[in-house]
Amino acid sequence: MATAKAISRNNYKWGLALLMVLVLGLGWKYPYLGFMVPIVMITGLIGSFLKGRVVCGNFCPRGSFFDTWFKPLGGSTKVPKLLTTPKLRWSLLVALFSFMIVQLLSDIGSAAHWGTVFWRVCMVTTLIALVVGVRYRSRAWCAFCPMGTIQGAIGGEKHALSISTSCAGCGICEKNCPMGHDIAHSRERDIVMNSDCLHCGACVSACPRNALQEK
C-alpha cells in the first residue's frame, strides 16, 4: 500500500510534468521559457552534493512527466547495458554540452537566443527519451542522461538505501523501480549501493515487508 508520503510525491509530480509540457509546447514562441532548463540543471547539481540524484527522482519536470503522463506508454524491458556504459554516457555528455556551448556562443548577447538553444536541446533530448521510453521503460533516458551522469558521479553513493534481513528477495521492489535497478540481491550487504538511484521512494513504498528504508 502506498504511503501518504508517496501519494503526496506523486501528486506534485503531475504539476511538474505539466510544467515540462508547457515549456516544450510554448518555448518556440516564448524563448525565455527555455531558461527553465538551466534552472533545473543547476538545481540538480546542487542536490547532487546533498543526496546524489534526488532531484532527478523527485523534482525534475521531465522525470516527473515520465513517472506520470508518459508511464502508461513506457515499455517494461530493461535498458541494455550498452546504453549505460560509462564510455557512452560521458561521450554523450561531452557531445551534448559541446553542441550547446557552440550554439550559445553563436549569439552571446541575445538572451532570447540562449532561451531558444536551451529549449531546442530539451526538445531533442525529450524526443530521444520518448523513443527509448516506449522501447524499454518510461525512465530509460534517465539511465544515460548527461545531467544524471554528472549528479551520480558527484554524490551517487550518498544516502544509500538500507535493506534488512527481512527481505524475501521477491523482486517487487525491482519491478516498481523506475530505473529497473537490481535491489533484492543486495540484502546480504545491508545496503543498496547504486550511484544512479533516484531516491524516489518507489521501491520503499512497494516492499511488502518494509525491508527498505531511505536514509
N, C-alpha and C. Protein backbone atom coordinates (compact mmCIF):
# COMPACT_ATOMS: atom_id res chain seq x y z
N MET A 1 0.85 -1.19 0.00
CA MET A 1 0.00 0.00 0.00
C MET A 1 0.89 1.25 0.00
N ALA A 2 0.56 2.19 -0.83
CA ALA A 2 1.36 3.41 -0.92
C ALA A 2 1.23 4.24 0.35
N THR A 3 2.35 4.80 0.81
CA THR A 3 2.34 5.65 1.98
C THR A 3 1.83 7.04 1.62
N ALA A 4 1.45 7.81 2.68
CA ALA A 4 0.97 9.17 2.44
C ALA A 4 2.05 10.01 1.77
N LYS A 5 3.30 9.75 2.15
CA LYS A 5 4.42 10.49 1.56
C LYS A 5 4.54 10.19 0.08
N ALA A 6 4.37 8.92 -0.29
CA ALA A 6 4.47 8.52 -1.70
C ALA A 6 3.33 9.12 -2.52
N ILE A 7 2.12 9.16 -1.94
CA ILE A 7 0.96 9.72 -2.63
C ILE A 7 1.17 11.22 -2.86
N SER A 8 1.65 11.91 -1.84
CA SER A 8 1.90 13.35 -1.97
C SER A 8 2.95 13.63 -3.02
N ARG A 9 3.99 12.81 -3.03
CA ARG A 9 5.06 12.96 -4.00
C ARG A 9 4.52 12.77 -5.42
N ASN A 10 3.67 11.79 -5.60
CA ASN A 10 3.12 11.53 -6.93
C ASN A 10 2.21 12.66 -7.39
N ASN A 11 1.47 13.27 -6.45
CA ASN A 11 0.56 14.35 -6.81
C ASN A 11 1.30 15.56 -7.37
N TYR A 12 2.37 15.98 -6.72
CA TYR A 12 3.05 17.19 -7.22
C TYR A 12 3.84 16.89 -8.49
N LYS A 13 4.13 15.62 -8.75
CA LYS A 13 4.81 15.27 -9.99
C LYS A 13 3.93 15.55 -11.21
N TRP A 14 2.63 15.45 -11.03
CA TRP A 14 1.72 15.78 -12.14
C TRP A 14 1.85 17.25 -12.51
N GLY A 15 2.02 18.10 -11.49
CA GLY A 15 2.20 19.52 -11.74
C GLY A 15 3.53 19.81 -12.42
N LEU A 16 4.59 19.15 -11.98
CA LEU A 16 5.90 19.33 -12.61
C LEU A 16 5.87 18.85 -14.06
N ALA A 17 5.15 17.76 -14.29
CA ALA A 17 5.02 17.24 -15.65
C ALA A 17 4.33 18.25 -16.55
N LEU A 18 3.30 18.91 -16.02
CA LEU A 18 2.59 19.94 -16.78
C LEU A 18 3.53 21.09 -17.13
N LEU A 19 4.41 21.43 -16.20
CA LEU A 19 5.38 22.50 -16.45
C LEU A 19 6.27 22.14 -17.64
N MET A 20 6.72 20.88 -17.70
CA MET A 20 7.56 20.46 -18.80
C MET A 20 6.82 20.56 -20.14
N VAL A 21 5.56 20.13 -20.14
CA VAL A 21 4.75 20.17 -21.35
C VAL A 21 4.57 21.61 -21.84
N LEU A 22 4.35 22.53 -20.90
CA LEU A 22 4.16 23.93 -21.26
C LEU A 22 5.44 24.54 -21.82
N VAL A 23 6.57 24.21 -21.21
CA VAL A 23 7.85 24.74 -21.69
C VAL A 23 8.14 24.24 -23.10
N LEU A 24 7.95 22.95 -23.32
CA LEU A 24 8.23 22.39 -24.64
C LEU A 24 7.21 22.87 -25.67
N GLY A 25 5.97 22.99 -25.26
CA GLY A 25 4.93 23.38 -26.19
C GLY A 25 4.93 24.85 -26.56
N LEU A 26 5.43 25.70 -25.67
CA LEU A 26 5.38 27.14 -25.90
C LEU A 26 6.75 27.79 -26.06
N GLY A 27 7.81 27.02 -25.81
CA GLY A 27 9.15 27.58 -25.83
C GLY A 27 9.58 28.11 -27.18
N TRP A 28 9.04 27.55 -28.25
CA TRP A 28 9.40 28.04 -29.59
C TRP A 28 8.91 29.47 -29.80
N LYS A 29 7.80 29.82 -29.13
CA LYS A 29 7.21 31.15 -29.27
C LYS A 29 7.67 32.10 -28.17
N TYR A 30 7.87 31.54 -26.98
CA TYR A 30 8.32 32.33 -25.84
C TYR A 30 9.66 31.77 -25.37
N PRO A 31 10.75 32.16 -26.02
CA PRO A 31 12.06 31.56 -25.77
C PRO A 31 12.57 31.66 -24.34
N TYR A 32 12.09 32.65 -23.60
CA TYR A 32 12.57 32.79 -22.22
C TYR A 32 12.13 31.60 -21.35
N LEU A 33 11.13 30.87 -21.79
CA LEU A 33 10.74 29.66 -21.08
C LEU A 33 11.87 28.64 -21.09
N GLY A 34 12.74 28.74 -22.09
CA GLY A 34 13.87 27.81 -22.18
C GLY A 34 14.81 27.89 -21.01
N PHE A 35 14.78 29.01 -20.29
CA PHE A 35 15.68 29.15 -19.14
C PHE A 35 15.27 28.25 -17.97
N MET A 36 14.11 27.60 -18.09
CA MET A 36 13.76 26.59 -17.10
C MET A 36 14.76 25.43 -17.15
N VAL A 37 15.34 25.21 -18.32
CA VAL A 37 16.30 24.10 -18.48
C VAL A 37 17.54 24.30 -17.61
N PRO A 38 18.27 25.43 -17.71
CA PRO A 38 19.43 25.59 -16.84
C PRO A 38 19.06 25.69 -15.37
N ILE A 39 17.86 26.19 -15.06
CA ILE A 39 17.43 26.25 -13.66
C ILE A 39 17.35 24.84 -13.08
N VAL A 40 16.74 23.93 -13.85
CA VAL A 40 16.63 22.54 -13.41
C VAL A 40 18.00 21.89 -13.33
N MET A 41 18.87 22.20 -14.29
CA MET A 41 20.21 21.64 -14.29
C MET A 41 21.00 22.07 -13.06
N ILE A 42 20.94 23.35 -12.74
CA ILE A 42 21.66 23.87 -11.57
C ILE A 42 21.09 23.28 -10.28
N THR A 43 19.76 23.18 -10.23
CA THR A 43 19.12 22.58 -9.05
C THR A 43 19.58 21.15 -8.86
N GLY A 44 19.69 20.41 -9.97
CA GLY A 44 20.16 19.03 -9.90
C GLY A 44 21.59 18.93 -9.40
N LEU A 45 22.43 19.85 -9.84
CA LEU A 45 23.83 19.84 -9.40
C LEU A 45 23.94 20.13 -7.91
N ILE A 46 23.16 21.10 -7.44
CA ILE A 46 23.17 21.41 -6.01
C ILE A 46 22.69 20.21 -5.20
N GLY A 47 21.62 19.60 -5.68
CA GLY A 47 21.08 18.43 -4.99
C GLY A 47 22.03 17.26 -4.96
N SER A 48 22.87 17.14 -5.98
CA SER A 48 23.79 16.00 -6.05
C SER A 48 24.81 16.01 -4.93
N PHE A 49 25.16 17.18 -4.45
CA PHE A 49 26.10 17.28 -3.34
C PHE A 49 25.46 16.85 -2.02
N LEU A 50 24.14 16.88 -1.98
CA LEU A 50 23.43 16.53 -0.77
C LEU A 50 22.98 15.07 -0.75
N LYS A 51 22.43 14.63 -1.91
CA LYS A 51 21.86 13.28 -1.93
C LYS A 51 21.84 12.70 -3.34
N GLY A 52 22.94 12.81 -4.04
CA GLY A 52 23.03 12.19 -5.35
C GLY A 52 21.96 12.67 -6.32
N ARG A 53 21.23 11.75 -6.92
CA ARG A 53 20.25 12.06 -7.96
C ARG A 53 18.84 12.29 -7.40
N VAL A 54 18.76 12.84 -6.21
CA VAL A 54 17.46 13.06 -5.58
C VAL A 54 16.59 14.01 -6.39
N VAL A 55 17.18 15.01 -7.05
CA VAL A 55 16.40 15.93 -7.86
C VAL A 55 15.82 15.21 -9.07
N CYS A 56 16.61 14.31 -9.66
CA CYS A 56 16.12 13.52 -10.80
C CYS A 56 14.86 12.76 -10.43
N GLY A 57 14.87 12.18 -9.26
CA GLY A 57 13.76 11.32 -8.87
C GLY A 57 12.55 12.04 -8.30
N ASN A 58 12.73 13.30 -7.89
CA ASN A 58 11.65 13.97 -7.18
C ASN A 58 11.25 15.34 -7.71
N PHE A 59 12.18 16.06 -8.34
CA PHE A 59 11.88 17.44 -8.72
C PHE A 59 12.14 17.78 -10.18
N CYS A 60 12.60 16.84 -10.95
CA CYS A 60 12.85 17.09 -12.37
C CYS A 60 11.53 17.07 -13.14
N PRO A 61 11.16 18.15 -13.82
CA PRO A 61 9.89 18.16 -14.57
C PRO A 61 9.81 17.05 -15.62
N ARG A 62 10.92 16.81 -16.33
CA ARG A 62 10.86 15.76 -17.36
C ARG A 62 10.77 14.38 -16.71
N GLY A 63 11.52 14.16 -15.65
CA GLY A 63 11.41 12.89 -14.95
C GLY A 63 10.02 12.68 -14.40
N SER A 64 9.40 13.75 -13.91
CA SER A 64 8.04 13.67 -13.40
C SER A 64 7.06 13.31 -14.52
N PHE A 65 7.32 13.84 -15.71
CA PHE A 65 6.49 13.51 -16.87
C PHE A 65 6.58 12.01 -17.18
N PHE A 66 7.78 11.47 -17.09
CA PHE A 66 7.96 10.04 -17.34
C PHE A 66 7.22 9.20 -16.31
N ASP A 67 7.16 9.69 -15.08
CA ASP A 67 6.54 8.93 -13.99
C ASP A 67 5.02 9.06 -13.96
N THR A 68 4.47 10.01 -14.70
CA THR A 68 3.02 10.25 -14.64
C THR A 68 2.36 10.12 -16.01
N TRP A 69 2.37 11.18 -16.78
CA TRP A 69 1.67 11.20 -18.07
C TRP A 69 2.16 10.10 -19.01
N PHE A 70 3.46 9.91 -19.05
CA PHE A 70 4.04 9.01 -20.04
C PHE A 70 4.13 7.55 -19.57
N LYS A 71 4.01 7.32 -18.29
CA LYS A 71 4.24 5.99 -17.74
C LYS A 71 3.42 4.89 -18.41
N PRO A 72 2.12 5.10 -18.71
CA PRO A 72 1.34 4.03 -19.35
C PRO A 72 1.87 3.62 -20.72
N LEU A 73 2.63 4.50 -21.37
CA LEU A 73 3.16 4.20 -22.70
C LEU A 73 4.55 3.56 -22.64
N GLY A 74 5.16 3.61 -21.47
CA GLY A 74 6.51 3.08 -21.33
C GLY A 74 6.55 1.56 -21.41
N GLY A 75 7.66 1.06 -21.91
CA GLY A 75 7.82 -0.39 -22.00
C GLY A 75 8.19 -1.00 -20.66
N SER A 76 8.49 -2.27 -20.68
CA SER A 76 8.84 -2.98 -19.44
C SER A 76 10.15 -3.75 -19.60
N THR A 77 10.90 -3.40 -20.64
CA THR A 77 12.17 -4.08 -20.92
C THR A 77 13.32 -3.35 -20.25
N LYS A 78 14.25 -4.09 -19.71
CA LYS A 78 15.39 -3.47 -19.05
C LYS A 78 16.26 -2.75 -20.07
N VAL A 79 16.78 -1.61 -19.68
CA VAL A 79 17.65 -0.83 -20.56
C VAL A 79 18.92 -1.62 -20.84
N PRO A 80 19.31 -1.77 -22.10
CA PRO A 80 20.51 -2.56 -22.42
C PRO A 80 21.77 -1.95 -21.82
N LYS A 81 22.70 -2.79 -21.43
CA LYS A 81 23.92 -2.32 -20.78
C LYS A 81 24.73 -1.39 -21.67
N LEU A 82 24.62 -1.55 -22.98
CA LEU A 82 25.36 -0.70 -23.89
C LEU A 82 25.06 0.77 -23.65
N LEU A 83 23.79 1.09 -23.35
CA LEU A 83 23.39 2.48 -23.15
C LEU A 83 23.81 3.02 -21.79
N THR A 84 24.23 2.15 -20.89
CA THR A 84 24.59 2.60 -19.54
C THR A 84 26.08 2.53 -19.27
N THR A 85 26.87 2.19 -20.26
CA THR A 85 28.32 2.11 -20.05
C THR A 85 28.89 3.51 -19.82
N PRO A 86 29.86 3.64 -18.92
CA PRO A 86 30.46 4.96 -18.66
C PRO A 86 31.00 5.62 -19.93
N LYS A 87 31.58 4.85 -20.82
CA LYS A 87 32.15 5.42 -22.05
C LYS A 87 31.08 6.11 -22.88
N LEU A 88 29.95 5.45 -23.07
CA LEU A 88 28.87 6.05 -23.86
C LEU A 88 28.28 7.26 -23.14
N ARG A 89 28.08 7.13 -21.84
CA ARG A 89 27.43 8.20 -21.08
C ARG A 89 28.28 9.48 -21.07
N TRP A 90 29.58 9.34 -20.85
CA TRP A 90 30.43 10.51 -20.81
C TRP A 90 30.66 11.08 -22.21
N SER A 91 30.66 10.22 -23.20
CA SER A 91 30.79 10.70 -24.59
C SER A 91 29.56 11.51 -24.97
N LEU A 92 28.38 11.02 -24.59
CA LEU A 92 27.14 11.75 -24.86
C LEU A 92 27.14 13.09 -24.14
N LEU A 93 27.63 13.10 -22.92
CA LEU A 93 27.69 14.33 -22.15
C LEU A 93 28.57 15.37 -22.85
N VAL A 94 29.76 14.95 -23.27
CA VAL A 94 30.69 15.86 -23.94
C VAL A 94 30.09 16.38 -25.24
N ALA A 95 29.49 15.48 -26.01
CA ALA A 95 28.91 15.86 -27.30
C ALA A 95 27.76 16.86 -27.11
N LEU A 96 26.88 16.58 -26.17
CA LEU A 96 25.71 17.43 -25.96
C LEU A 96 26.11 18.81 -25.45
N PHE A 97 27.01 18.84 -24.47
CA PHE A 97 27.41 20.13 -23.91
C PHE A 97 28.25 20.92 -24.89
N SER A 98 29.04 20.24 -25.70
CA SER A 98 29.83 20.94 -26.73
C SER A 98 28.90 21.60 -27.73
N PHE A 99 27.89 20.87 -28.17
CA PHE A 99 26.91 21.41 -29.11
C PHE A 99 26.20 22.61 -28.51
N MET A 100 25.80 22.49 -27.25
CA MET A 100 25.04 23.55 -26.61
C MET A 100 25.90 24.81 -26.45
N ILE A 101 27.14 24.65 -26.06
CA ILE A 101 28.03 25.80 -25.86
C ILE A 101 28.29 26.51 -27.17
N VAL A 102 28.53 25.74 -28.23
CA VAL A 102 28.77 26.35 -29.55
C VAL A 102 27.56 27.15 -29.99
N GLN A 103 26.37 26.59 -29.78
CA GLN A 103 25.14 27.28 -30.15
C GLN A 103 24.93 28.55 -29.33
N LEU A 104 25.21 28.49 -28.05
CA LEU A 104 25.03 29.65 -27.19
C LEU A 104 25.98 30.78 -27.59
N LEU A 105 27.23 30.43 -27.93
CA LEU A 105 28.23 31.43 -28.27
C LEU A 105 28.00 32.06 -29.65
N SER A 106 27.14 31.44 -30.45
CA SER A 106 26.89 31.99 -31.79
C SER A 106 26.14 33.33 -31.73
N ASP A 107 25.50 33.59 -30.59
CA ASP A 107 24.83 34.89 -30.40
C ASP A 107 24.84 35.18 -28.91
N ILE A 108 26.02 35.44 -28.40
CA ILE A 108 26.23 35.50 -26.96
C ILE A 108 25.48 36.64 -26.28
N GLY A 109 25.12 37.68 -27.03
CA GLY A 109 24.46 38.83 -26.42
C GLY A 109 22.95 38.77 -26.40
N SER A 110 22.36 37.70 -26.94
CA SER A 110 20.90 37.61 -27.03
C SER A 110 20.34 36.60 -26.04
N ALA A 111 19.63 37.10 -25.04
CA ALA A 111 19.01 36.21 -24.06
C ALA A 111 17.95 35.34 -24.71
N ALA A 112 17.22 35.91 -25.68
CA ALA A 112 16.20 35.14 -26.38
C ALA A 112 16.82 33.98 -27.14
N HIS A 113 17.99 34.22 -27.74
CA HIS A 113 18.70 33.16 -28.45
C HIS A 113 19.11 32.05 -27.49
N TRP A 114 19.61 32.43 -26.34
CA TRP A 114 20.01 31.44 -25.34
C TRP A 114 18.80 30.59 -24.92
N GLY A 115 17.68 31.26 -24.69
CA GLY A 115 16.48 30.53 -24.31
C GLY A 115 16.05 29.54 -25.37
N THR A 116 16.18 29.97 -26.64
CA THR A 116 15.83 29.08 -27.75
C THR A 116 16.76 27.87 -27.81
N VAL A 117 18.05 28.10 -27.57
CA VAL A 117 19.02 26.99 -27.58
C VAL A 117 18.68 25.99 -26.47
N PHE A 118 18.41 26.48 -25.28
CA PHE A 118 18.05 25.59 -24.17
C PHE A 118 16.78 24.81 -24.50
N TRP A 119 15.81 25.51 -25.08
CA TRP A 119 14.55 24.85 -25.45
C TRP A 119 14.80 23.78 -26.50
N ARG A 120 15.63 24.09 -27.49
CA ARG A 120 15.90 23.15 -28.57
C ARG A 120 16.60 21.89 -28.06
N VAL A 121 17.57 22.07 -27.18
CA VAL A 121 18.27 20.92 -26.59
C VAL A 121 17.30 20.05 -25.80
N CYS A 122 16.43 20.71 -25.04
CA CYS A 122 15.45 19.96 -24.25
C CYS A 122 14.48 19.21 -25.15
N MET A 123 14.06 19.83 -26.25
CA MET A 123 13.14 19.20 -27.17
C MET A 123 13.76 17.97 -27.83
N VAL A 124 14.98 18.11 -28.30
CA VAL A 124 15.64 17.00 -28.98
C VAL A 124 15.87 15.83 -28.02
N THR A 125 16.38 16.13 -26.83
CA THR A 125 16.64 15.05 -25.88
C THR A 125 15.34 14.41 -25.38
N THR A 126 14.28 15.21 -25.30
CA THR A 126 13.00 14.64 -24.88
C THR A 126 12.44 13.69 -25.94
N LEU A 127 12.59 14.05 -27.21
CA LEU A 127 12.14 13.16 -28.28
C LEU A 127 12.90 11.84 -28.24
N ILE A 128 14.21 11.92 -27.98
CA ILE A 128 15.01 10.70 -27.84
C ILE A 128 14.50 9.89 -26.65
N ALA A 129 14.22 10.61 -25.55
CA ALA A 129 13.75 9.95 -24.33
C ALA A 129 12.42 9.24 -24.56
N LEU A 130 11.54 9.83 -25.36
CA LEU A 130 10.24 9.21 -25.63
C LEU A 130 10.41 7.93 -26.44
N VAL A 131 11.33 7.95 -27.39
CA VAL A 131 11.56 6.77 -28.23
C VAL A 131 12.10 5.62 -27.38
N VAL A 132 13.14 5.89 -26.59
CA VAL A 132 13.71 4.80 -25.78
C VAL A 132 12.76 4.41 -24.65
N GLY A 133 11.91 5.37 -24.23
CA GLY A 133 10.95 5.07 -23.18
C GLY A 133 9.90 4.08 -23.63
N VAL A 134 9.44 4.22 -24.85
CA VAL A 134 8.47 3.28 -25.40
C VAL A 134 9.12 1.92 -25.64
N ARG A 135 10.36 1.95 -26.10
CA ARG A 135 11.07 0.71 -26.43
C ARG A 135 11.47 -0.07 -25.18
N TYR A 136 11.90 0.63 -24.15
CA TYR A 136 12.38 -0.06 -22.94
C TYR A 136 11.47 0.22 -21.75
N ARG A 137 11.69 1.30 -21.04
CA ARG A 137 10.83 1.67 -19.92
C ARG A 137 10.75 3.18 -19.85
N SER A 138 9.73 3.69 -19.18
CA SER A 138 9.45 5.13 -19.24
C SER A 138 10.64 5.99 -18.83
N ARG A 139 11.44 5.53 -17.89
CA ARG A 139 12.59 6.31 -17.40
C ARG A 139 13.89 5.88 -18.07
N ALA A 140 13.84 5.24 -19.21
CA ALA A 140 15.06 4.73 -19.85
C ALA A 140 16.08 5.83 -20.10
N TRP A 141 15.62 7.03 -20.49
CA TRP A 141 16.54 8.14 -20.74
C TRP A 141 17.40 8.45 -19.51
N CYS A 142 16.80 8.32 -18.33
CA CYS A 142 17.50 8.65 -17.09
C CYS A 142 18.68 7.72 -16.83
N ALA A 143 18.73 6.60 -17.52
CA ALA A 143 19.83 5.66 -17.34
C ALA A 143 21.11 6.16 -17.99
N PHE A 144 20.98 7.11 -18.93
CA PHE A 144 22.18 7.66 -19.57
C PHE A 144 22.09 9.16 -19.80
N CYS A 145 21.19 9.82 -19.10
CA CYS A 145 21.04 11.28 -19.16
C CYS A 145 22.35 11.96 -18.75
N PRO A 146 22.86 12.88 -19.54
CA PRO A 146 24.12 13.55 -19.20
C PRO A 146 24.11 14.22 -17.82
N MET A 147 23.03 14.91 -17.48
CA MET A 147 22.97 15.55 -16.18
C MET A 147 22.91 14.52 -15.06
N GLY A 148 22.22 13.42 -15.32
CA GLY A 148 22.16 12.35 -14.33
C GLY A 148 23.53 11.72 -14.13
N THR A 149 24.30 11.64 -15.20
CA THR A 149 25.65 11.09 -15.12
C THR A 149 26.51 11.96 -14.20
N ILE A 150 26.42 13.27 -14.36
CA ILE A 150 27.18 14.18 -13.52
C ILE A 150 26.75 14.07 -12.06
N GLN A 151 25.45 14.07 -11.84
CA GLN A 151 24.93 14.02 -10.47
C GLN A 151 25.30 12.71 -9.78
N GLY A 152 25.25 11.62 -10.54
CA GLY A 152 25.63 10.33 -9.96
C GLY A 152 27.10 10.30 -9.60
N ALA A 153 27.94 10.92 -10.42
CA ALA A 153 29.38 10.95 -10.16
C ALA A 153 29.70 11.78 -8.93
N ILE A 154 28.94 12.86 -8.73
CA ILE A 154 29.21 13.75 -7.59
C ILE A 154 28.76 13.14 -6.27
N GLY A 155 27.54 12.66 -6.23
CA GLY A 155 27.04 12.19 -4.93
C GLY A 155 26.19 10.94 -5.00
N GLY A 156 26.42 10.12 -6.00
CA GLY A 156 25.58 8.95 -6.20
C GLY A 156 25.64 7.90 -5.11
N GLU A 157 26.71 7.92 -4.31
CA GLU A 157 26.85 6.92 -3.26
C GLU A 157 26.44 7.45 -1.89
N LYS A 158 25.89 8.66 -1.87
CA LYS A 158 25.44 9.23 -0.61
C LYS A 158 24.03 8.76 -0.28
N HIS A 159 23.79 8.51 0.98
CA HIS A 159 22.46 8.13 1.47
C HIS A 159 21.93 6.89 0.74
N ALA A 160 22.75 5.84 0.69
CA ALA A 160 22.31 4.60 0.06
C ALA A 160 21.13 4.00 0.83
N LEU A 161 20.26 3.29 0.13
CA LEU A 161 19.14 2.62 0.78
C LEU A 161 19.65 1.52 1.71
N SER A 162 19.00 1.39 2.84
CA SER A 162 19.33 0.27 3.73
C SER A 162 18.31 -0.83 3.48
N ILE A 163 18.76 -2.06 3.55
CA ILE A 163 17.89 -3.21 3.31
C ILE A 163 18.10 -4.23 4.42
N SER A 164 17.04 -4.63 5.07
CA SER A 164 17.14 -5.52 6.23
C SER A 164 17.07 -6.98 5.82
N THR A 165 17.38 -7.83 6.78
CA THR A 165 17.36 -9.27 6.54
C THR A 165 15.94 -9.81 6.35
N SER A 166 14.94 -8.97 6.61
CA SER A 166 13.55 -9.42 6.42
C SER A 166 13.20 -9.49 4.94
N CYS A 167 14.08 -8.98 4.08
CA CYS A 167 13.86 -9.05 2.64
C CYS A 167 13.75 -10.50 2.19
N ALA A 168 12.69 -10.81 1.46
CA ALA A 168 12.46 -12.18 0.99
C ALA A 168 12.97 -12.39 -0.43
N GLY A 169 13.50 -11.33 -1.04
CA GLY A 169 14.01 -11.46 -2.41
C GLY A 169 12.91 -11.67 -3.44
N CYS A 170 11.73 -11.15 -3.17
CA CYS A 170 10.58 -11.36 -4.07
C CYS A 170 10.68 -10.56 -5.37
N GLY A 171 11.45 -9.47 -5.34
CA GLY A 171 11.65 -8.68 -6.56
C GLY A 171 10.58 -7.64 -6.83
N ILE A 172 9.61 -7.49 -5.91
CA ILE A 172 8.57 -6.48 -6.13
C ILE A 172 9.17 -5.08 -6.19
N CYS A 173 10.17 -4.84 -5.37
CA CYS A 173 10.82 -3.53 -5.35
C CYS A 173 11.44 -3.22 -6.71
N GLU A 174 12.06 -4.22 -7.33
CA GLU A 174 12.72 -4.02 -8.61
C GLU A 174 11.71 -3.76 -9.73
N LYS A 175 10.55 -4.40 -9.64
CA LYS A 175 9.51 -4.19 -10.63
C LYS A 175 8.96 -2.76 -10.55
N ASN A 176 8.98 -2.19 -9.35
CA ASN A 176 8.46 -0.85 -9.16
C ASN A 176 9.51 0.24 -9.31
N CYS A 177 10.78 -0.14 -9.35
CA CYS A 177 11.85 0.85 -9.52
C CYS A 177 11.77 1.41 -10.94
N PRO A 178 11.63 2.73 -11.10
CA PRO A 178 11.51 3.30 -12.44
C PRO A 178 12.75 3.09 -13.31
N MET A 179 13.88 2.82 -12.66
CA MET A 179 15.11 2.59 -13.40
C MET A 179 15.39 1.11 -13.61
N GLY A 180 14.60 0.26 -12.96
CA GLY A 180 14.80 -1.18 -13.11
C GLY A 180 16.06 -1.68 -12.44
N HIS A 181 16.48 -1.04 -11.36
CA HIS A 181 17.72 -1.43 -10.69
C HIS A 181 17.58 -2.77 -9.97
N ASP A 182 18.69 -3.47 -9.86
CA ASP A 182 18.74 -4.67 -9.04
C ASP A 182 18.80 -4.22 -7.59
N ILE A 183 17.89 -4.70 -6.78
CA ILE A 183 17.81 -4.26 -5.38
C ILE A 183 17.90 -5.43 -4.41
N ALA A 184 17.05 -6.44 -4.61
CA ALA A 184 16.95 -7.54 -3.65
C ALA A 184 18.26 -8.29 -3.45
N HIS A 185 19.09 -8.36 -4.49
CA HIS A 185 20.32 -9.13 -4.36
C HIS A 185 21.31 -8.48 -3.39
N SER A 186 21.02 -7.25 -2.96
CA SER A 186 21.92 -6.54 -2.05
C SER A 186 21.61 -6.83 -0.58
N ARG A 187 20.62 -7.67 -0.32
CA ARG A 187 20.18 -7.86 1.06
C ARG A 187 21.26 -8.42 1.98
N GLU A 188 22.23 -9.12 1.43
CA GLU A 188 23.30 -9.67 2.26
C GLU A 188 24.32 -8.61 2.66
N ARG A 189 24.27 -7.45 1.98
CA ARG A 189 25.23 -6.38 2.29
C ARG A 189 24.61 -5.28 3.15
N ASP A 190 23.33 -5.37 3.42
CA ASP A 190 22.60 -4.41 4.26
C ASP A 190 22.35 -3.06 3.60
N ILE A 191 22.96 -2.77 2.47
CA ILE A 191 22.72 -1.51 1.77
C ILE A 191 22.57 -1.78 0.28
N VAL A 192 21.86 -0.88 -0.37
CA VAL A 192 21.70 -0.95 -1.82
C VAL A 192 22.53 0.19 -2.41
N MET A 193 23.70 -0.14 -2.92
CA MET A 193 24.62 0.86 -3.42
C MET A 193 24.52 0.97 -4.94
N ASN A 194 23.95 2.06 -5.41
CA ASN A 194 23.84 2.30 -6.85
C ASN A 194 23.89 3.81 -7.08
N SER A 195 24.89 4.27 -7.79
CA SER A 195 25.07 5.71 -7.98
C SER A 195 23.94 6.34 -8.80
N ASP A 196 23.13 5.52 -9.46
CA ASP A 196 22.02 6.04 -10.26
C ASP A 196 20.68 5.91 -9.55
N CYS A 197 20.70 5.58 -8.27
CA CYS A 197 19.45 5.54 -7.51
C CYS A 197 18.86 6.94 -7.49
N LEU A 198 17.56 7.07 -7.79
CA LEU A 198 16.90 8.37 -7.87
C LEU A 198 16.30 8.82 -6.54
N HIS A 199 16.38 7.97 -5.52
CA HIS A 199 15.80 8.29 -4.21
C HIS A 199 14.34 8.72 -4.34
N CYS A 200 13.63 8.04 -5.23
CA CYS A 200 12.23 8.38 -5.48
C CYS A 200 11.28 7.71 -4.49
N GLY A 201 11.75 6.69 -3.80
CA GLY A 201 10.93 6.03 -2.80
C GLY A 201 9.98 4.98 -3.33
N ALA A 202 10.00 4.72 -4.64
CA ALA A 202 9.07 3.75 -5.22
C ALA A 202 9.28 2.35 -4.67
N CYS A 203 10.53 1.96 -4.53
CA CYS A 203 10.83 0.62 -4.03
C CYS A 203 10.47 0.48 -2.55
N VAL A 204 10.69 1.56 -1.80
CA VAL A 204 10.38 1.56 -0.37
C VAL A 204 8.88 1.38 -0.16
N SER A 205 8.08 2.10 -0.93
CA SER A 205 6.63 2.02 -0.80
C SER A 205 6.08 0.67 -1.25
N ALA A 206 6.77 0.05 -2.22
CA ALA A 206 6.27 -1.20 -2.78
C ALA A 206 6.61 -2.43 -1.94
N CYS A 207 7.64 -2.35 -1.11
CA CYS A 207 8.09 -3.53 -0.36
C CYS A 207 7.03 -4.01 0.63
N PRO A 208 6.55 -5.24 0.50
CA PRO A 208 5.50 -5.75 1.40
C PRO A 208 6.01 -6.06 2.80
N ARG A 209 7.34 -6.09 2.97
CA ARG A 209 7.91 -6.43 4.28
C ARG A 209 8.58 -5.22 4.95
N ASN A 210 8.47 -4.07 4.34
CA ASN A 210 9.11 -2.87 4.88
C ASN A 210 10.60 -3.09 5.12
N ALA A 211 11.22 -3.79 4.19
CA ALA A 211 12.64 -4.14 4.36
C ALA A 211 13.57 -3.03 3.88
N LEU A 212 13.03 -2.06 3.17
CA LEU A 212 13.85 -0.99 2.63
C LEU A 212 13.58 0.32 3.38
N GLN A 213 14.64 1.07 3.59
CA GLN A 213 14.50 2.35 4.26
C GLN A 213 15.38 3.39 3.57
N GLU A 214 14.82 4.60 3.38
CA GLU A 214 15.59 5.69 2.84
C GLU A 214 16.38 6.38 3.95
N LYS A 215 17.66 6.59 3.72
CA LYS A 215 18.49 7.26 4.72
C LYS A 215 18.44 8.77 4.52
